[in-house]
């Protein structure tokens, strides 16, 4: 074993492997030094994040009672 594993570490936490950023002026022309795949992933994640608090109550959501119960138990 060379110690370069991306699996769990000795303390049980998962190791994080990051790709180094590319140099400014890279081939995609964005000039911010970020990998184009990283930029695409960041844009997708940003569009999925809810930034405002909707006015929805548990009683407004019909069905999925077991899923709602499991979520409430996990949060509490």
PDB file of N, CA and C in Angstrom:
ATOM      1  N   UNK A   1       0.848  -1.201   0.000  1.00  0.00           N
ATOM      2  CA  UNK A   1       0.000   0.000   0.000  1.00  0.00           C
ATOM      3  C   UNK A   1       0.874   1.238   0.000  1.00  0.00           C
ATOM      4  N   UNK A   2       0.636   2.157  -0.941  1.00  0.00           N
ATOM      5  CA  UNK A   2       1.458   3.367  -1.048  1.00  0.00           C
ATOM      6  C   UNK A   2       0.867   4.544  -0.300  1.00  0.00           C
ATOM      7  N   UNK A   3      -0.280   4.368   0.361  1.00  0.00           N
ATOM      8  CA  UNK A   3      -0.887   5.436   1.142  1.00  0.00           C
ATOM      9  C   UNK A   3      -1.643   6.452   0.316  1.00  0.00           C
ATOM     10  N   UNK A   4      -1.812   6.225  -0.984  1.00  0.00           N
ATOM     11  CA  UNK A   4      -2.486   7.186  -1.859  1.00  0.00           C
ATOM     12  C   UNK A   4      -3.942   6.814  -2.083  1.00  0.00           C
ATOM     13  N   UNK A   5      -4.495   6.027  -1.214  1.00  0.00           N
ATOM     14  CA  UNK A   5      -5.875   5.583  -1.354  1.00  0.00           C
ATOM     15  C   UNK A   5      -6.847   6.727  -1.131  1.00  0.00           C
ATOM     16  N   UNK A   6      -7.988   6.691  -1.849  1.00  0.00           N
ATOM     17  CA  UNK A   6      -9.033   7.698  -1.657  1.00  0.00           C
ATOM     18  C   UNK A   6     -10.153   7.143  -0.787  1.00  0.00           C
ATOM     19  N   UNK A   7      -9.919   6.008  -0.140  1.00  0.00           N
ATOM     20  CA  UNK A   7     -10.920   5.392   0.714  1.00  0.00           C
ATOM     21  C   UNK A   7     -10.935   6.023   2.092  1.00  0.00           C
ATOM     22  N   UNK A   8     -11.596   5.352   3.041  1.00  0.00           N
ATOM     23  CA  UNK A   8     -11.682   5.905   4.401  1.00  0.00           C
ATOM     24  C   UNK A   8     -10.305   6.058   5.026  1.00  0.00           C
ATOM     25  N   UNK A   9     -10.142   7.072   5.845  1.00  0.00           N
ATOM     26  CA  UNK A   9      -8.884   7.304   6.538  1.00  0.00           C
ATOM     27  C   UNK A   9      -8.880   6.520   7.836  1.00  0.00           C
ATOM     28  N   UNK A  10      -7.782   6.578   8.565  1.00  0.00           N
ATOM     29  CA  UNK A  10      -7.644   5.830   9.808  1.00  0.00           C
ATOM     30  C   UNK A  10      -8.706   6.224  10.828  1.00  0.00           C
ATOM     31  N   UNK A  11      -9.165   7.484  10.792  1.00  0.00           N
ATOM     32  CA  UNK A  11     -10.172   7.910  11.762  1.00  0.00           C
ATOM     33  C   UNK A  11     -11.597   7.664  11.271  1.00  0.00           C
ATOM     34  N   UNK A  12     -11.755   7.012  10.119  1.00  0.00           N
ATOM     35  CA  UNK A  12     -13.072   6.666   9.615  1.00  0.00           C
ATOM     36  C   UNK A  12     -13.674   7.684   8.669  1.00  0.00           C
ATOM     37  N   UNK A  13     -13.080   8.871   8.577  1.00  0.00           N
ATOM     38  CA  UNK A  13     -13.584   9.881   7.652  1.00  0.00           C
ATOM     39  C   UNK A  13     -13.156   9.532   6.237  1.00  0.00           C
ATOM     40  N   UNK A  14     -13.961   9.915   5.272  1.00  0.00           N
ATOM     41  CA  UNK A  14     -13.608   9.677   3.881  1.00  0.00           C
ATOM     42  C   UNK A  14     -12.555  10.683   3.452  1.00  0.00           C
ATOM     43  N   UNK A  15     -11.576  10.225   2.709  1.00  0.00           N
ATOM     44  CA  UNK A  15     -10.559  11.126   2.183  1.00  0.00           C
ATOM     45  C   UNK A  15     -11.147  11.900   1.017  1.00  0.00           C
ATOM     46  N   UNK A  16     -10.757  13.138   0.868  1.00  0.00           N
ATOM     47  CA  UNK A  16     -11.246  13.974  -0.215  1.00  0.00           C
ATOM     48  C   UNK A  16     -10.119  14.176  -1.209  1.00  0.00           C
ATOM     49  N   UNK A  17     -10.387  13.834  -2.455  1.00  0.00           N
ATOM     50  CA  UNK A  17      -9.402  14.017  -3.504  1.00  0.00           C
ATOM     51  C   UNK A  17      -9.850  15.191  -4.350  1.00  0.00           C
ATOM     52  N   UNK A  18      -8.993  16.176  -4.501  1.00  0.00           N
ATOM     53  CA  UNK A  18      -9.343  17.336  -5.311  1.00  0.00           C
ATOM     54  C   UNK A  18      -8.422  17.425  -6.507  1.00  0.00           C
ATOM     55  N   UNK A  19      -8.955  17.957  -7.569  1.00  0.00           N
ATOM     56  CA  UNK A  19      -8.179  18.164  -8.780  1.00  0.00           C
ATOM     57  C   UNK A  19      -7.604  19.573  -8.725  1.00  0.00           C
ATOM     58  N   UNK A  20      -6.306  19.732  -9.022  1.00  0.00           N
ATOM     59  CA  UNK A  20      -5.742  21.082  -8.987  1.00  0.00           C
ATOM     60  C   UNK A  20      -6.386  21.970 -10.040  1.00  0.00           C
ATOM     61  N   UNK A  21      -6.540  23.243  -9.699  1.00  0.00           N
ATOM     62  CA  UNK A  21      -7.116  24.187 -10.652  1.00  0.00           C
ATOM     63  C   UNK A  21      -6.152  24.400 -11.807  1.00  0.00           C
ATOM     64  N   UNK A  22      -6.711  24.672 -12.975  1.00  0.00           N
ATOM     65  CA  UNK A  22      -5.883  24.934 -14.139  1.00  0.00           C
ATOM     66  C   UNK A  22      -5.366  26.357 -14.082  1.00  0.00           C
ATOM     67  N   UNK A  23      -4.375  26.628 -14.868  1.00  0.00           N
ATOM     68  CA  UNK A  23      -3.780  27.962 -14.906  1.00  0.00           C
ATOM     69  C   UNK A  23      -4.731  28.945 -15.574  1.00  0.00           C
ATOM     70  N   UNK A  24      -4.697  30.227 -15.184  1.00  0.00           N
ATOM     71  CA  UNK A  24      -5.511  31.232 -15.878  1.00  0.00           C
ATOM     72  C   UNK A  24      -5.170  31.255 -17.361  1.00  0.00           C
ATOM     73  N   UNK A  25      -6.182  31.566 -18.166  1.00  0.00           N
ATOM     74  CA  UNK A  25      -5.971  31.590 -19.608  1.00  0.00           C
ATOM     75  C   UNK A  25      -6.023  30.197 -20.199  1.00  0.00           C
ATOM     76  N   UNK A  26      -6.761  29.302 -19.573  1.00  0.00           N
ATOM     77  CA  UNK A  26      -6.839  27.940 -20.062  1.00  0.00           C
ATOM     78  C   UNK A  26      -7.632  27.874 -21.362  1.00  0.00           C
ATOM     79  N   UNK A  27      -7.747  26.659 -21.907  1.00  0.00           N
ATOM     80  CA  UNK A  27      -8.320  26.497 -23.241  1.00  0.00           C
ATOM     81  C   UNK A  27      -9.793  26.867 -23.356  1.00  0.00           C
ATOM     82  N   UNK A  28     -10.553  26.887 -22.240  1.00  0.00           N
ATOM     83  CA  UNK A  28     -11.965  27.240 -22.357  1.00  0.00           C
ATOM     84  C   UNK A  28     -12.179  28.743 -22.375  1.00  0.00           C
ATOM     85  N   UNK A  29     -11.148  29.512 -22.073  1.00  0.00           N
ATOM     86  CA  UNK A  29     -11.217  30.956 -22.224  1.00  0.00           C
ATOM     87  C   UNK A  29     -11.911  31.697 -21.115  1.00  0.00           C
ATOM     88  N   UNK A  30     -12.319  30.998 -20.022  1.00  0.00           N
ATOM     89  CA  UNK A  30     -13.007  31.743 -18.981  1.00  0.00           C
ATOM     90  C   UNK A  30     -12.041  32.531 -18.116  1.00  0.00           C
ATOM     91  N   UNK A  31     -10.761  32.152 -18.094  1.00  0.00           N
ATOM     92  CA  UNK A  31      -9.743  32.959 -17.456  1.00  0.00           C
ATOM     93  C   UNK A  31      -9.785  32.974 -15.946  1.00  0.00           C
ATOM     94  N   UNK A  32     -10.744  32.281 -15.311  1.00  0.00           N
ATOM     95  CA  UNK A  32     -10.805  32.313 -13.853  1.00  0.00           C
ATOM     96  C   UNK A  32      -9.997  31.190 -13.221  1.00  0.00           C
ATOM     97  N   UNK A  33      -9.381  30.348 -14.039  1.00  0.00           N
ATOM     98  CA  UNK A  33      -8.535  29.293 -13.522  1.00  0.00           C
ATOM     99  C   UNK A  33      -9.294  28.078 -13.025  1.00  0.00           C
ATOM    100  N   UNK A  34     -10.584  28.008 -13.239  1.00  0.00           N
ATOM    101  CA  UNK A  34     -11.374  26.883 -12.765  1.00  0.00           C
ATOM    102  C   UNK A  34     -11.622  25.896 -13.899  1.00  0.00           C
ATOM    103  N   UNK A  35     -11.565  24.638 -13.568  1.00  0.00           N
ATOM    104  CA  UNK A  35     -11.811  23.556 -14.510  1.00  0.00           C
ATOM    105  C   UNK A  35     -13.217  23.699 -15.099  1.00  0.00           C
ATOM    106  N   UNK A  36     -13.387  23.543 -16.413  1.00  0.00           N
ATOM    107  CA  UNK A  36     -14.719  23.676 -17.029  1.00  0.00           C
ATOM    108  C   UNK A  36     -15.740  22.697 -16.445  1.00  0.00           C
ATOM    109  N   UNK A  37     -15.313  21.488 -16.090  1.00  0.00           N
ATOM    110  CA  UNK A  37     -16.236  20.533 -15.471  1.00  0.00           C
ATOM    111  C   UNK A  37     -16.686  21.051 -14.108  1.00  0.00           C
ATOM    112  N   UNK A  38     -15.758  21.652 -13.371  1.00  0.00           N
ATOM    113  CA  UNK A  38     -16.086  22.214 -12.059  1.00  0.00           C
ATOM    114  C   UNK A  38     -17.077  23.363 -12.219  1.00  0.00           C
ATOM    115  N   UNK A  39     -16.884  24.189 -13.235  1.00  0.00           N
ATOM    116  CA  UNK A  39     -17.789  25.309 -13.502  1.00  0.00           C
ATOM    117  C   UNK A  39     -19.188  24.797 -13.819  1.00  0.00           C
ATOM    118  N   UNK A  40     -19.270  23.752 -14.642  1.00  0.00           N
ATOM    119  CA  UNK A  40     -20.560  23.170 -15.007  1.00  0.00           C
ATOM    120  C   UNK A  40     -21.249  22.572 -13.778  1.00  0.00           C
ATOM    121  N   UNK A  41     -20.491  21.867 -12.934  1.00  0.00           N
ATOM    122  CA  UNK A  41     -21.047  21.287 -11.719  1.00  0.00           C
ATOM    123  C   UNK A  41     -21.542  22.376 -10.781  1.00  0.00           C
ATOM    124  N   UNK A  42     -20.748  23.431 -10.608  1.00  0.00           N
ATOM    125  CA  UNK A  42     -21.122  24.535  -9.726  1.00  0.00           C
ATOM    126  C   UNK A  42     -22.417  25.196 -10.211  1.00  0.00           C
ATOM    127  N   UNK A  43     -22.557  25.394 -11.519  1.00  0.00           N
ATOM    128  CA  UNK A  43     -23.766  26.013 -12.070  1.00  0.00           C
ATOM    129  C   UNK A  43     -24.982  25.118 -11.829  1.00  0.00           C
ATOM    130  N   UNK A  44     -24.815  23.820 -12.001  1.00  0.00           N
ATOM    131  CA  UNK A  44     -25.916  22.891 -11.761  1.00  0.00           C
ATOM    132  C   UNK A  44     -26.343  22.862 -10.305  1.00  0.00           C
ATOM    133  N   UNK A  45     -25.367  22.869  -9.406  1.00  0.00           N
ATOM    134  CA  UNK A  45     -25.691  22.871  -7.978  1.00  0.00           C
ATOM    135  C   UNK A  45     -26.354  24.174  -7.563  1.00  0.00           C
ATOM    136  N   UNK A  46     -25.862  25.292  -8.078  1.00  0.00           N
ATOM    137  CA  UNK A  46     -26.457  26.588  -7.733  1.00  0.00           C
ATOM    138  C   UNK A  46     -27.911  26.675  -8.177  1.00  0.00           C
ATOM    139  N   UNK A  47     -28.240  26.054  -9.313  1.00  0.00           N
ATOM    140  CA  UNK A  47     -29.625  26.109  -9.780  1.00  0.00           C
ATOM    141  C   UNK A  47     -30.539  25.204  -8.949  1.00  0.00           C
ATOM    142  N   UNK A  48     -29.967  24.223  -8.238  1.00  0.00           N
ATOM    143  CA  UNK A  48     -30.769  23.297  -7.438  1.00  0.00           C
ATOM    144  C   UNK A  48     -30.965  23.764  -5.997  1.00  0.00           C
ATOM    145  N   UNK A  49     -30.218  24.773  -5.576  1.00  0.00           N
ATOM    146  CA  UNK A  49     -30.304  25.252  -4.196  1.00  0.00           C
ATOM    147  C   UNK A  49     -31.464  26.229  -4.059  1.00  0.00           C
ATOM    148  N   UNK A  50     -32.302  25.989  -3.058  1.00  0.00           N
ATOM    149  CA  UNK A  50     -33.425  26.895  -2.782  1.00  0.00           C
ATOM    150  C   UNK A  50     -32.924  27.968  -1.840  1.00  0.00           C
ATOM    151  N   UNK A  51     -32.960  29.205  -2.279  1.00  0.00           N
ATOM    152  CA  UNK A  51     -32.410  30.298  -1.493  1.00  0.00           C
ATOM    153  C   UNK A  51     -33.464  31.088  -0.729  1.00  0.00           C
ATOM    154  N   UNK A  52     -34.722  30.803  -0.972  1.00  0.00           N
ATOM    155  CA  UNK A  52     -35.768  31.487  -0.223  1.00  0.00           C
ATOM    156  C   UNK A  52     -36.604  30.440   0.504  1.00  0.00           C
ATOM    157  N   UNK A  53     -37.184  30.823   1.600  1.00  0.00           N
ATOM    158  CA  UNK A  53     -37.968  29.901   2.410  1.00  0.00           C
ATOM    159  C   UNK A  53     -39.415  29.909   1.917  1.00  0.00           C
ATOM    160  N   UNK A  54     -39.847  28.824   1.277  1.00  0.00           N
ATOM    161  CA  UNK A  54     -41.233  28.778   0.811  1.00  0.00           C
ATOM    162  C   UNK A  54     -42.192  28.639   1.992  1.00  0.00           C
ATOM    163  N   UNK A  55     -43.388  29.146   1.840  1.00  0.00           N
ATOM    164  CA  UNK A  55     -44.393  29.092   2.898  1.00  0.00           C
ATOM    165  C   UNK A  55     -45.222  27.815   2.739  1.00  0.00           C
ATOM    166  N   UNK A  56     -44.588  26.655   2.996  1.00  0.00           N
ATOM    167  CA  UNK A  56     -45.244  25.358   2.852  1.00  0.00           C
ATOM    168  C   UNK A  56     -45.187  24.650   4.196  1.00  0.00           C
ATOM    169  N   UNK A  57     -46.318  24.110   4.605  1.00  0.00           N
ATOM    170  CA  UNK A  57     -46.398  23.373   5.866  1.00  0.00           C
ATOM    171  C   UNK A  57     -46.519  21.884   5.565  1.00  0.00           C
ATOM    172  N   UNK A  58     -46.192  21.047   6.569  1.00  0.00           N
ATOM    173  CA  UNK A  58     -46.300  19.607   6.380  1.00  0.00           C
ATOM    174  C   UNK A  58     -47.704  19.219   5.934  1.00  0.00           C
ATOM    175  N   UNK A  59     -48.707  19.885   6.462  1.00  0.00           N
ATOM    176  CA  UNK A  59     -50.091  19.545   6.124  1.00  0.00           C
ATOM    177  C   UNK A  59     -50.427  19.883   4.668  1.00  0.00           C
ATOM    178  N   UNK A  60     -49.639  20.754   4.033  1.00  0.00           N
ATOM    179  CA  UNK A  60     -49.854  21.104   2.628  1.00  0.00           C
ATOM    180  C   UNK A  60     -49.387  20.003   1.682  1.00  0.00           C
ATOM    181  N   UNK A  61     -48.513  19.132   2.157  1.00  0.00           N
ATOM    182  CA  UNK A  61     -47.951  18.076   1.316  1.00  0.00           C
ATOM    183  C   UNK A  61     -48.785  16.819   1.511  1.00  0.00           C
ATOM    184  N   UNK A  62     -49.413  16.362   0.438  1.00  0.00           N
ATOM    185  CA  UNK A  62     -50.270  15.180   0.557  1.00  0.00           C
ATOM    186  C   UNK A  62     -49.465  13.916   0.266  1.00  0.00           C
ATOM    187  N   UNK A  63     -49.831  12.845   0.946  1.00  0.00           N
ATOM    188  CA  UNK A  63     -49.187  11.561   0.720  1.00  0.00           C
ATOM    189  C   UNK A  63     -47.797  11.478   1.335  1.00  0.00           C
ATOM    190  N   UNK A  64     -47.107  10.399   1.030  1.00  0.00           N
ATOM    191  CA  UNK A  64     -45.743  10.149   1.487  1.00  0.00           C
ATOM    192  C   UNK A  64     -45.600  10.293   2.995  1.00  0.00           C
ATOM    193  N   UNK A  65     -46.591   9.812   3.727  1.00  0.00           N
ATOM    194  CA  UNK A  65     -46.586   9.962   5.186  1.00  0.00           C
ATOM    195  C   UNK A  65     -45.349   9.336   5.817  1.00  0.00           C
ATOM    196  N   UNK A  66     -44.958   8.150   5.345  1.00  0.00           N
ATOM    197  CA  UNK A  66     -43.789   7.497   5.948  1.00  0.00           C
ATOM    198  C   UNK A  66     -42.508   8.277   5.646  1.00  0.00           C
ATOM    199  N   UNK A  67     -42.418   8.867   4.467  1.00  0.00           N
ATOM    200  CA  UNK A  67     -41.241   9.676   4.128  1.00  0.00           C
ATOM    201  C   UNK A  67     -41.188  10.938   4.976  1.00  0.00           C
ATOM    202  N   UNK A  68     -42.331  11.584   5.175  1.00  0.00           N
ATOM    203  CA  UNK A  68     -42.381  12.790   6.015  1.00  0.00           C
ATOM    204  C   UNK A  68     -42.019  12.453   7.456  1.00  0.00           C
ATOM    205  N   UNK A  69     -42.532  11.324   7.954  1.00  0.00           N
ATOM    206  CA  UNK A  69     -42.235  10.907   9.326  1.00  0.00           C
ATOM    207  C   UNK A  69     -40.741  10.643   9.487  1.00  0.00           C
ATOM    208  N   UNK A  70     -40.137   9.945   8.520  1.00  0.00           N
ATOM    209  CA  UNK A  70     -38.701   9.645   8.591  1.00  0.00           C
ATOM    210  C   UNK A  70     -37.874  10.926   8.562  1.00  0.00           C
ATOM    211  N   UNK A  71     -38.270  11.875   7.743  1.00  0.00           N
ATOM    212  CA  UNK A  71     -37.550  13.145   7.666  1.00  0.00           C
ATOM    213  C   UNK A  71     -37.675  13.925   8.967  1.00  0.00           C
ATOM    214  N   UNK A  72     -38.865  13.961   9.536  1.00  0.00           N
ATOM    215  CA  UNK A  72     -39.060  14.659  10.812  1.00  0.00           C
ATOM    216  C   UNK A  72     -38.218  14.019  11.911  1.00  0.00           C
ATOM    217  N   UNK A  73     -38.154  12.698  11.944  1.00  0.00           N
ATOM    218  CA  UNK A  73     -37.350  12.008  12.950  1.00  0.00           C
ATOM    219  C   UNK A  73     -35.867  12.282  12.752  1.00  0.00           C
ATOM    220  N   UNK A  74     -35.426  12.373  11.511  1.00  0.00           N
ATOM    221  CA  UNK A  74     -34.013  12.628  11.227  1.00  0.00           C
ATOM    222  C   UNK A  74     -33.612  14.038  11.621  1.00  0.00           C
ATOM    223  N   UNK A  75     -34.508  14.993  11.456  1.00  0.00           N
ATOM    224  CA  UNK A  75     -34.212  16.392  11.770  1.00  0.00           C
ATOM    225  C   UNK A  75     -34.229  16.621  13.268  1.00  0.00           C
ATOM    226  N   UNK A  76     -35.141  15.983  13.945  1.00  0.00           N
ATOM    227  CA  UNK A  76     -35.276  16.164  15.400  1.00  0.00           C
ATOM    228  C   UNK A  76     -34.271  15.335  16.068  1.00  0.00           C
TER     229      UNK A  76
END
